[in-house]
Structure formats: C-alpha cells, structure tokens
Protein backbone atom coordinates (compact mmCIF):
# COMPACT_ATOMS: atom_id res chain seq x y z
CA GLN A 1 51.32 -29.65 -24.15
CA VAL A 2 48.26 -28.81 -26.06
CA GLN A 3 45.69 -31.68 -26.20
CA LEU A 4 42.34 -32.10 -27.93
CA VAL A 5 40.30 -35.04 -27.01
CA GLU A 6 37.22 -35.98 -28.82
CA SER A 7 34.54 -38.26 -27.47
CA GLY A 8 30.83 -39.22 -28.01
CA GLY A 9 31.19 -41.11 -31.36
CA GLY A 10 29.70 -44.57 -31.87
CA LEU A 11 27.16 -46.58 -33.85
CA VAL A 12 23.75 -45.25 -34.56
CA GLN A 13 20.80 -45.92 -36.87
CA THR A 14 19.90 -43.77 -39.80
CA GLY A 15 17.84 -40.76 -38.47
CA GLY A 16 19.44 -40.84 -35.02
CA SER A 17 21.59 -38.38 -33.08
CA LEU A 18 24.95 -38.22 -31.49
CA ARG A 19 26.62 -35.43 -29.68
CA LEU A 20 30.39 -35.12 -29.92
CA SER A 21 32.56 -33.24 -27.42
CA CYS A 22 36.18 -32.00 -27.81
CA ALA A 23 38.00 -31.06 -24.63
CA ALA A 24 40.88 -28.82 -24.90
CA SER A 25 43.76 -28.38 -22.53
CA GLY A 26 47.20 -26.67 -22.62
CA LEU A 27 45.92 -23.65 -24.54
CA THR A 28 43.93 -20.55 -23.77
CA PHE A 29 40.88 -21.89 -25.44
CA ARG A 30 39.02 -18.76 -25.71
CA ASN A 31 41.62 -17.38 -28.13
CA TYR A 32 41.07 -20.11 -30.71
CA ASP A 33 38.40 -20.51 -33.46
CA MET A 34 37.42 -24.19 -33.43
CA GLY A 35 36.19 -26.54 -36.13
CA TRP A 36 34.98 -30.11 -36.71
CA PHE A 37 36.22 -31.92 -39.52
CA ARG A 38 35.50 -35.53 -40.73
CA GLN A 39 37.39 -38.10 -42.92
CA ALA A 40 35.77 -40.99 -44.30
CA SER A 41 37.87 -44.03 -45.38
CA GLY A 42 39.63 -43.36 -48.59
CA LYS A 43 38.62 -39.69 -48.70
CA GLU A 44 40.20 -36.42 -47.85
CA ARG A 45 39.56 -34.64 -44.54
CA GLU A 46 36.60 -32.06 -45.00
CA ILE A 47 35.31 -29.37 -42.63
CA VAL A 48 32.00 -29.84 -41.22
CA ALA A 49 31.40 -26.83 -38.96
CA ARG A 50 33.28 -24.00 -37.47
CA ILE A 51 32.83 -21.60 -34.55
CA SER A 52 34.40 -18.31 -33.60
CA ARG A 53 36.32 -17.66 -30.37
CA SER A 54 33.23 -16.20 -28.72
CA GLY A 55 30.75 -18.45 -30.09
CA SER A 56 28.90 -15.61 -31.73
CA SER A 57 29.81 -16.68 -35.38
CA THR A 58 29.35 -20.27 -36.89
CA GLY A 59 29.50 -21.89 -40.26
CA TYR A 60 28.48 -25.23 -41.85
CA ALA A 61 29.23 -27.19 -44.73
CA ASP A 62 26.21 -27.49 -47.03
CA PHE A 63 25.90 -31.16 -46.43
CA VAL A 64 25.23 -30.76 -42.70
CA LYS A 65 23.26 -27.49 -42.73
CA GLY A 66 20.01 -27.88 -40.71
CA ARG A 67 21.07 -31.04 -39.16
CA PHE A 68 24.25 -30.40 -37.23
CA ILE A 69 24.82 -27.61 -34.55
CA ILE A 70 28.32 -26.55 -33.29
CA SER A 71 28.61 -24.77 -30.07
CA ARG A 72 31.20 -24.15 -27.42
CA ASP A 73 31.57 -23.39 -23.61
CA ASN A 74 34.76 -21.55 -22.91
CA ALA A 75 34.37 -21.97 -19.18
CA LYS A 76 34.73 -25.81 -19.79
CA ASN A 77 37.24 -25.57 -22.58
CA THR A 78 35.06 -27.82 -24.80
CA VAL A 79 33.48 -27.51 -28.19
CA TYR A 80 30.37 -29.63 -29.17
CA LEU A 81 28.76 -30.92 -32.39
CA GLN A 82 25.21 -31.97 -31.96
CA MET A 83 24.49 -34.27 -35.06
CA ASN A 84 20.88 -34.89 -35.80
CA SER A 85 19.12 -36.82 -38.60
CA LEU A 86 22.26 -38.79 -39.36
CA LYS A 87 22.64 -40.36 -42.69
CA PRO A 88 24.90 -43.44 -43.75
CA GLU A 89 27.10 -41.04 -45.57
CA ASP A 90 27.90 -39.27 -42.23
CA THR A 91 29.93 -42.20 -41.29
CA SER A 92 33.47 -41.06 -40.81
CA VAL A 93 36.18 -40.17 -38.19
CA TYR A 94 35.30 -36.94 -36.75
CA TYR A 95 38.12 -34.59 -35.60
CA CYS A 96 38.25 -31.22 -33.80
CA GLY A 97 40.82 -28.62 -34.66
CA ALA A 98 42.04 -25.36 -33.18
CA GLN A 99 42.65 -22.41 -35.41
CA VAL A 100 44.79 -19.49 -35.00
CA ASN A 101 45.87 -16.86 -37.79
CA SER A 102 43.67 -18.86 -40.28
CA VAL A 103 45.73 -22.21 -39.63
CA TYR A 104 44.44 -25.21 -37.83
CA LYS A 105 47.36 -25.71 -35.59
CA TYR A 106 46.17 -28.29 -33.29
CA TRP A 107 44.11 -31.57 -33.74
CA GLY A 108 42.47 -34.30 -31.81
CA GLN A 109 42.87 -37.98 -32.31
CA GLY A 110 39.47 -38.42 -33.81
CA THR A 111 36.19 -40.16 -32.92
CA GLN A 112 34.49 -42.84 -35.18
CA VAL A 113 30.89 -42.16 -36.06
CA THR A 114 29.21 -44.98 -37.87
CA VAL A 115 25.59 -44.65 -39.11
CA SER A 116 23.80 -47.87 -40.25
CA SER A 117 21.21 -48.02 -42.78
C-alpha cells in the first residue's frame, strides 16, 4: 500500500534550521506532484510548499518565502523541506502529501516541529 513517512522534525531555537524528509513507497513517485503542509494546534491545515513531478516548478506560501526550500529526488522517492530562519510561529505538525488530478490523495503521519523563542 502507499506510504508516506516524514522525518526530521524536532525542537530548534528561533533562527535555527531543520530539514524534513518524506519517503514514499507503494506508488510511482515521479507521477505525483508533492506538497508540504502544516497544522498548528487548534488551527486548520495549510499548505507550505509544493513541487511538480519533475521538480522544475515550485510554489510557496507567503509566510515561508525566502526561508523554506522544497526539493525532491525521484531516484530516492523522497521530497524534502529545508527550513531556515525558523520562527516560533512555524511550530506545527508538518505533513507531506501526494497530489494527482489536483487532489492530495495520500498523506503522511506528520512530524512535529517546535521552535522555541
């Protein structure tokens, strides 16, 4: 079955960096656009960044532009989120999703990111 497994979350101080990974299995990874989302406690899930199937096109939410970078390695079936200049408001559970036909069909279980002030 399809599995998306996030890793790389943790506790970091304001201004620090983390690199999240999402390893996919059970699907033809190169056929899926991928996205990173986050959901803070008591809030709705929001998109953070997305990347096209080939990796040639990316998009970012305004609140992470210039700080986060999404990338993918289709040979490793993995999508990454490099997070720099982290702020306390970036504290959330981060999820990766696999999109097909404009729908995010598969989701990971999430990884907690906590930024201390």
